[in-house]
Amino acid sequence: MSSRPKAKPQVSGALDRGAAEDLARTLRVVADPTRLQILSIVLGSANERATVGQLADVLGLRQPTVTHHVRILLDDGFLTRQQEGKLGWLSVDPARRGAVEDFLR
């Protein structure tokens, strides 16, 4: 019998722990139907941007509820916010656009 320790099997393309945790966090963010709707509305809007008020009107939800979901999407980097006067315009972050489009298919 050999006393050598067994080598871990090499698996091509396997996620390391950090990547798996990042992906799980992202999936939790987009697993909510309201957040998916927000992303689809923003992408489908004129100039691919919308305000919280516009989102609330389309979704039929109160602004504080929409703001809660928007904050989660902003914190995870799916949305960006640009202030123009009194209005804060939300748009899909260009770096995440491909992922958003994949989620919405």
N, C-alpha and C. Protein backbone atom coordinates (compact mmCIF):
# COMPACT_ATOMS: atom_id res chain seq x y z
N MET A 1 0.83 -1.17 0.00
CA MET A 1 0.00 0.00 0.00
C MET A 1 0.88 1.24 0.00
N SER A 2 0.50 2.20 -0.78
CA SER A 2 1.25 3.45 -0.87
C SER A 2 0.80 4.40 0.22
N SER A 3 1.73 5.14 0.79
CA SER A 3 1.40 6.09 1.84
C SER A 3 1.32 7.52 1.30
N ARG A 4 1.38 7.66 -0.03
CA ARG A 4 1.30 8.98 -0.63
C ARG A 4 -0.13 9.51 -0.50
N PRO A 5 -0.26 10.81 -0.21
CA PRO A 5 -1.62 11.38 -0.14
C PRO A 5 -2.24 11.41 -1.53
N LYS A 6 -3.55 11.24 -1.56
CA LYS A 6 -4.27 11.29 -2.83
C LYS A 6 -4.29 12.72 -3.35
N ALA A 7 -4.04 12.84 -4.62
CA ALA A 7 -4.09 14.15 -5.25
C ALA A 7 -5.55 14.52 -5.52
N LYS A 8 -5.85 15.81 -5.40
CA LYS A 8 -7.20 16.27 -5.72
C LYS A 8 -7.40 16.10 -7.22
N PRO A 9 -8.57 15.67 -7.62
CA PRO A 9 -8.81 15.55 -9.06
C PRO A 9 -8.83 16.92 -9.72
N GLN A 10 -8.26 17.01 -10.88
CA GLN A 10 -8.26 18.26 -11.65
C GLN A 10 -9.54 18.29 -12.49
N VAL A 11 -10.30 19.37 -12.31
CA VAL A 11 -11.54 19.54 -13.04
C VAL A 11 -11.43 20.82 -13.85
N SER A 12 -11.53 20.68 -15.14
CA SER A 12 -11.42 21.83 -16.02
C SER A 12 -12.65 22.71 -15.90
N GLY A 13 -12.45 24.01 -15.73
CA GLY A 13 -13.55 24.96 -15.72
C GLY A 13 -14.31 25.04 -14.41
N ALA A 14 -13.83 24.36 -13.36
CA ALA A 14 -14.52 24.40 -12.08
C ALA A 14 -14.34 25.78 -11.43
N LEU A 15 -15.38 26.28 -10.79
CA LEU A 15 -15.31 27.55 -10.07
C LEU A 15 -14.52 27.40 -8.79
N ASP A 16 -13.69 28.39 -8.50
CA ASP A 16 -13.07 28.39 -7.18
C ASP A 16 -14.10 28.95 -6.20
N ARG A 17 -13.80 28.88 -4.90
CA ARG A 17 -14.77 29.27 -3.88
C ARG A 17 -15.21 30.73 -4.02
N GLY A 18 -14.26 31.62 -4.26
CA GLY A 18 -14.59 33.03 -4.39
C GLY A 18 -15.52 33.30 -5.57
N ALA A 19 -15.23 32.68 -6.70
CA ALA A 19 -16.07 32.86 -7.88
C ALA A 19 -17.46 32.28 -7.65
N ALA A 20 -17.53 31.16 -6.96
CA ALA A 20 -18.83 30.54 -6.66
C ALA A 20 -19.66 31.44 -5.74
N GLU A 21 -19.01 32.05 -4.76
CA GLU A 21 -19.72 32.96 -3.85
C GLU A 21 -20.21 34.20 -4.58
N ASP A 22 -19.38 34.75 -5.47
CA ASP A 22 -19.79 35.92 -6.26
C ASP A 22 -20.98 35.58 -7.15
N LEU A 23 -20.93 34.43 -7.80
CA LEU A 23 -22.03 34.02 -8.66
C LEU A 23 -23.29 33.78 -7.86
N ALA A 24 -23.18 33.16 -6.69
CA ALA A 24 -24.36 32.92 -5.85
C ALA A 24 -25.00 34.24 -5.42
N ARG A 25 -24.18 35.24 -5.07
CA ARG A 25 -24.71 36.55 -4.69
C ARG A 25 -25.45 37.18 -5.86
N THR A 26 -24.85 37.11 -7.03
CA THR A 26 -25.48 37.67 -8.23
C THR A 26 -26.80 36.97 -8.53
N LEU A 27 -26.81 35.66 -8.42
CA LEU A 27 -28.05 34.92 -8.69
C LEU A 27 -29.14 35.27 -7.69
N ARG A 28 -28.77 35.49 -6.42
CA ARG A 28 -29.77 35.92 -5.43
C ARG A 28 -30.35 37.27 -5.80
N VAL A 29 -29.51 38.16 -6.31
CA VAL A 29 -29.98 39.49 -6.69
C VAL A 29 -31.01 39.40 -7.81
N VAL A 30 -30.73 38.61 -8.82
CA VAL A 30 -31.63 38.56 -9.98
C VAL A 30 -32.71 37.49 -9.85
N ALA A 31 -32.74 36.78 -8.73
CA ALA A 31 -33.77 35.76 -8.54
C ALA A 31 -35.13 36.37 -8.17
N ASP A 32 -35.18 37.66 -7.94
CA ASP A 32 -36.42 38.33 -7.57
C ASP A 32 -37.14 38.82 -8.82
N PRO A 33 -38.43 38.48 -8.98
CA PRO A 33 -39.15 38.88 -10.20
C PRO A 33 -39.24 40.40 -10.39
N THR A 34 -39.36 41.15 -9.30
CA THR A 34 -39.44 42.61 -9.43
C THR A 34 -38.13 43.16 -9.97
N ARG A 35 -37.01 42.65 -9.50
CA ARG A 35 -35.72 43.13 -9.99
C ARG A 35 -35.50 42.77 -11.45
N LEU A 36 -35.96 41.60 -11.86
CA LEU A 36 -35.87 41.24 -13.28
C LEU A 36 -36.74 42.17 -14.11
N GLN A 37 -37.94 42.50 -13.60
CA GLN A 37 -38.80 43.43 -14.31
C GLN A 37 -38.14 44.81 -14.43
N ILE A 38 -37.51 45.26 -13.36
CA ILE A 38 -36.84 46.56 -13.39
C ILE A 38 -35.77 46.57 -14.47
N LEU A 39 -34.96 45.54 -14.52
CA LEU A 39 -33.91 45.47 -15.54
C LEU A 39 -34.51 45.47 -16.94
N SER A 40 -35.60 44.73 -17.14
CA SER A 40 -36.20 44.66 -18.47
C SER A 40 -36.84 45.99 -18.85
N ILE A 41 -37.43 46.69 -17.89
CA ILE A 41 -38.03 48.00 -18.17
C ILE A 41 -36.97 49.00 -18.54
N VAL A 42 -35.88 49.02 -17.78
CA VAL A 42 -34.80 49.97 -18.07
C VAL A 42 -34.25 49.72 -19.47
N LEU A 43 -33.97 48.47 -19.80
CA LEU A 43 -33.43 48.16 -21.14
C LEU A 43 -34.42 48.49 -22.25
N GLY A 44 -35.71 48.36 -21.96
CA GLY A 44 -36.74 48.61 -22.97
C GLY A 44 -37.20 50.05 -23.05
N SER A 45 -36.70 50.91 -22.17
CA SER A 45 -37.12 52.31 -22.13
C SER A 45 -36.40 53.13 -23.19
N ALA A 46 -36.99 54.29 -23.47
CA ALA A 46 -36.33 55.23 -24.38
C ALA A 46 -34.96 55.57 -23.81
N ASN A 47 -33.96 55.54 -24.63
CA ASN A 47 -32.57 55.80 -24.23
C ASN A 47 -32.06 54.80 -23.19
N GLU A 48 -32.79 53.71 -23.00
CA GLU A 48 -32.40 52.64 -22.07
C GLU A 48 -32.09 53.18 -20.68
N ARG A 49 -32.96 54.05 -20.20
CA ARG A 49 -32.84 54.57 -18.85
C ARG A 49 -34.22 54.93 -18.31
N ALA A 50 -34.32 54.96 -17.01
CA ALA A 50 -35.61 55.26 -16.38
C ALA A 50 -35.37 55.82 -14.98
N THR A 51 -36.37 56.52 -14.46
CA THR A 51 -36.31 57.01 -13.08
C THR A 51 -37.08 56.04 -12.18
N VAL A 52 -36.87 56.17 -10.89
CA VAL A 52 -37.61 55.34 -9.93
C VAL A 52 -39.11 55.60 -10.08
N GLY A 53 -39.49 56.85 -10.28
CA GLY A 53 -40.91 57.19 -10.45
C GLY A 53 -41.51 56.50 -11.66
N GLN A 54 -40.78 56.49 -12.78
CA GLN A 54 -41.26 55.79 -13.98
C GLN A 54 -41.41 54.30 -13.72
N LEU A 55 -40.41 53.72 -13.05
CA LEU A 55 -40.47 52.29 -12.74
C LEU A 55 -41.67 51.99 -11.85
N ALA A 56 -41.90 52.82 -10.84
CA ALA A 56 -43.03 52.61 -9.93
C ALA A 56 -44.35 52.65 -10.70
N ASP A 57 -44.48 53.60 -11.64
CA ASP A 57 -45.70 53.70 -12.43
C ASP A 57 -45.93 52.45 -13.28
N VAL A 58 -44.88 52.01 -13.97
CA VAL A 58 -45.01 50.84 -14.84
C VAL A 58 -45.31 49.58 -14.03
N LEU A 59 -44.64 49.44 -12.89
CA LEU A 59 -44.80 48.24 -12.07
C LEU A 59 -46.04 48.28 -11.20
N GLY A 60 -46.62 49.46 -11.00
CA GLY A 60 -47.76 49.57 -10.12
C GLY A 60 -47.38 49.38 -8.65
N LEU A 61 -46.16 49.77 -8.31
CA LEU A 61 -45.66 49.64 -6.94
C LEU A 61 -45.37 51.02 -6.37
N ARG A 62 -45.29 51.10 -5.05
CA ARG A 62 -44.93 52.35 -4.39
C ARG A 62 -43.45 52.63 -4.58
N GLN A 63 -43.09 53.91 -4.63
CA GLN A 63 -41.70 54.28 -4.85
C GLN A 63 -40.74 53.71 -3.81
N PRO A 64 -41.11 53.67 -2.50
CA PRO A 64 -40.17 53.08 -1.55
C PRO A 64 -39.86 51.61 -1.85
N THR A 65 -40.84 50.88 -2.34
CA THR A 65 -40.61 49.48 -2.71
C THR A 65 -39.66 49.38 -3.89
N VAL A 66 -39.89 50.21 -4.89
CA VAL A 66 -39.01 50.21 -6.07
C VAL A 66 -37.61 50.67 -5.67
N THR A 67 -37.51 51.67 -4.83
CA THR A 67 -36.21 52.16 -4.37
C THR A 67 -35.42 51.06 -3.68
N HIS A 68 -36.10 50.24 -2.88
CA HIS A 68 -35.45 49.11 -2.21
C HIS A 68 -34.82 48.17 -3.24
N HIS A 69 -35.58 47.80 -4.26
CA HIS A 69 -35.07 46.88 -5.27
C HIS A 69 -33.96 47.53 -6.11
N VAL A 70 -34.13 48.80 -6.42
CA VAL A 70 -33.11 49.52 -7.19
C VAL A 70 -31.80 49.57 -6.41
N ARG A 71 -31.88 49.81 -5.09
CA ARG A 71 -30.67 49.87 -4.26
C ARG A 71 -29.90 48.55 -4.35
N ILE A 72 -30.59 47.44 -4.31
CA ILE A 72 -29.94 46.13 -4.41
C ILE A 72 -29.25 45.99 -5.76
N LEU A 73 -29.93 46.41 -6.83
CA LEU A 73 -29.33 46.33 -8.17
C LEU A 73 -28.15 47.28 -8.32
N LEU A 74 -28.21 48.45 -7.70
CA LEU A 74 -27.09 49.38 -7.72
C LEU A 74 -25.90 48.81 -6.95
N ASP A 75 -26.19 48.27 -5.76
CA ASP A 75 -25.11 47.73 -4.92
C ASP A 75 -24.37 46.58 -5.58
N ASP A 76 -25.08 45.78 -6.38
CA ASP A 76 -24.43 44.65 -7.04
C ASP A 76 -23.87 45.03 -8.41
N GLY A 77 -24.04 46.28 -8.81
CA GLY A 77 -23.44 46.75 -10.05
C GLY A 77 -24.23 46.49 -11.31
N PHE A 78 -25.50 46.08 -11.18
CA PHE A 78 -26.31 45.88 -12.38
C PHE A 78 -26.79 47.22 -12.95
N LEU A 79 -27.09 48.17 -12.07
CA LEU A 79 -27.56 49.47 -12.50
C LEU A 79 -26.55 50.55 -12.12
N THR A 80 -26.56 51.62 -12.90
CA THR A 80 -25.83 52.82 -12.54
C THR A 80 -26.84 53.96 -12.45
N ARG A 81 -26.47 55.00 -11.72
CA ARG A 81 -27.38 56.13 -11.52
C ARG A 81 -26.66 57.40 -11.92
N GLN A 82 -27.34 58.22 -12.73
CA GLN A 82 -26.78 59.50 -13.16
C GLN A 82 -27.77 60.59 -12.80
N GLN A 83 -27.32 61.54 -12.02
CA GLN A 83 -28.16 62.65 -11.58
C GLN A 83 -28.20 63.72 -12.65
N GLU A 84 -29.41 64.15 -13.04
CA GLU A 84 -29.61 65.27 -13.96
C GLU A 84 -30.65 66.18 -13.33
N GLY A 85 -30.18 67.23 -12.71
CA GLY A 85 -31.09 68.11 -11.99
C GLY A 85 -31.70 67.36 -10.82
N LYS A 86 -33.03 67.37 -10.76
CA LYS A 86 -33.72 66.67 -9.68
C LYS A 86 -33.94 65.19 -9.97
N LEU A 87 -33.70 64.78 -11.20
CA LEU A 87 -33.98 63.40 -11.59
C LEU A 87 -32.72 62.54 -11.53
N GLY A 88 -32.88 61.34 -10.98
CA GLY A 88 -31.82 60.34 -11.01
C GLY A 88 -32.17 59.29 -12.05
N TRP A 89 -31.37 59.23 -13.09
CA TRP A 89 -31.63 58.28 -14.18
C TRP A 89 -30.87 56.99 -13.94
N LEU A 90 -31.58 55.89 -14.08
CA LEU A 90 -31.00 54.55 -13.90
C LEU A 90 -30.78 53.92 -15.25
N SER A 91 -29.65 53.28 -15.41
CA SER A 91 -29.38 52.53 -16.63
C SER A 91 -28.60 51.27 -16.27
N VAL A 92 -28.63 50.31 -17.16
CA VAL A 92 -27.88 49.07 -16.94
C VAL A 92 -26.41 49.38 -17.15
N ASP A 93 -25.59 48.94 -16.21
CA ASP A 93 -24.15 49.15 -16.33
C ASP A 93 -23.65 48.44 -17.58
N PRO A 94 -22.91 49.16 -18.45
CA PRO A 94 -22.44 48.53 -19.68
C PRO A 94 -21.64 47.24 -19.46
N ALA A 95 -20.90 47.17 -18.36
CA ALA A 95 -20.11 45.97 -18.09
C ALA A 95 -21.00 44.77 -17.74
N ARG A 96 -22.23 45.01 -17.30
CA ARG A 96 -23.14 43.93 -16.91
C ARG A 96 -24.25 43.69 -17.94
N ARG A 97 -24.26 44.48 -19.00
CA ARG A 97 -25.35 44.39 -19.99
C ARG A 97 -25.50 42.98 -20.56
N GLY A 98 -24.40 42.36 -20.94
CA GLY A 98 -24.47 41.01 -21.51
C GLY A 98 -25.11 40.03 -20.54
N ALA A 99 -24.72 40.11 -19.27
CA ALA A 99 -25.30 39.21 -18.27
C ALA A 99 -26.79 39.48 -18.09
N VAL A 100 -27.17 40.76 -18.09
CA VAL A 100 -28.59 41.11 -17.94
C VAL A 100 -29.38 40.56 -19.12
N GLU A 101 -28.87 40.75 -20.32
CA GLU A 101 -29.57 40.23 -21.50
C GLU A 101 -29.69 38.72 -21.43
N ASP A 102 -28.67 38.03 -20.94
CA ASP A 102 -28.75 36.57 -20.79
C ASP A 102 -29.83 36.19 -19.78
N PHE A 103 -29.91 36.92 -18.65
CA PHE A 103 -30.94 36.61 -17.65
C PHE A 103 -32.34 36.83 -18.18
N LEU A 104 -32.51 37.79 -19.07
CA LEU A 104 -33.84 38.15 -19.56
C LEU A 104 -34.30 37.32 -20.76
N ARG A 105 -33.47 36.43 -21.23
CA ARG A 105 -33.86 35.58 -22.37
C ARG A 105 -34.77 34.49 -21.93
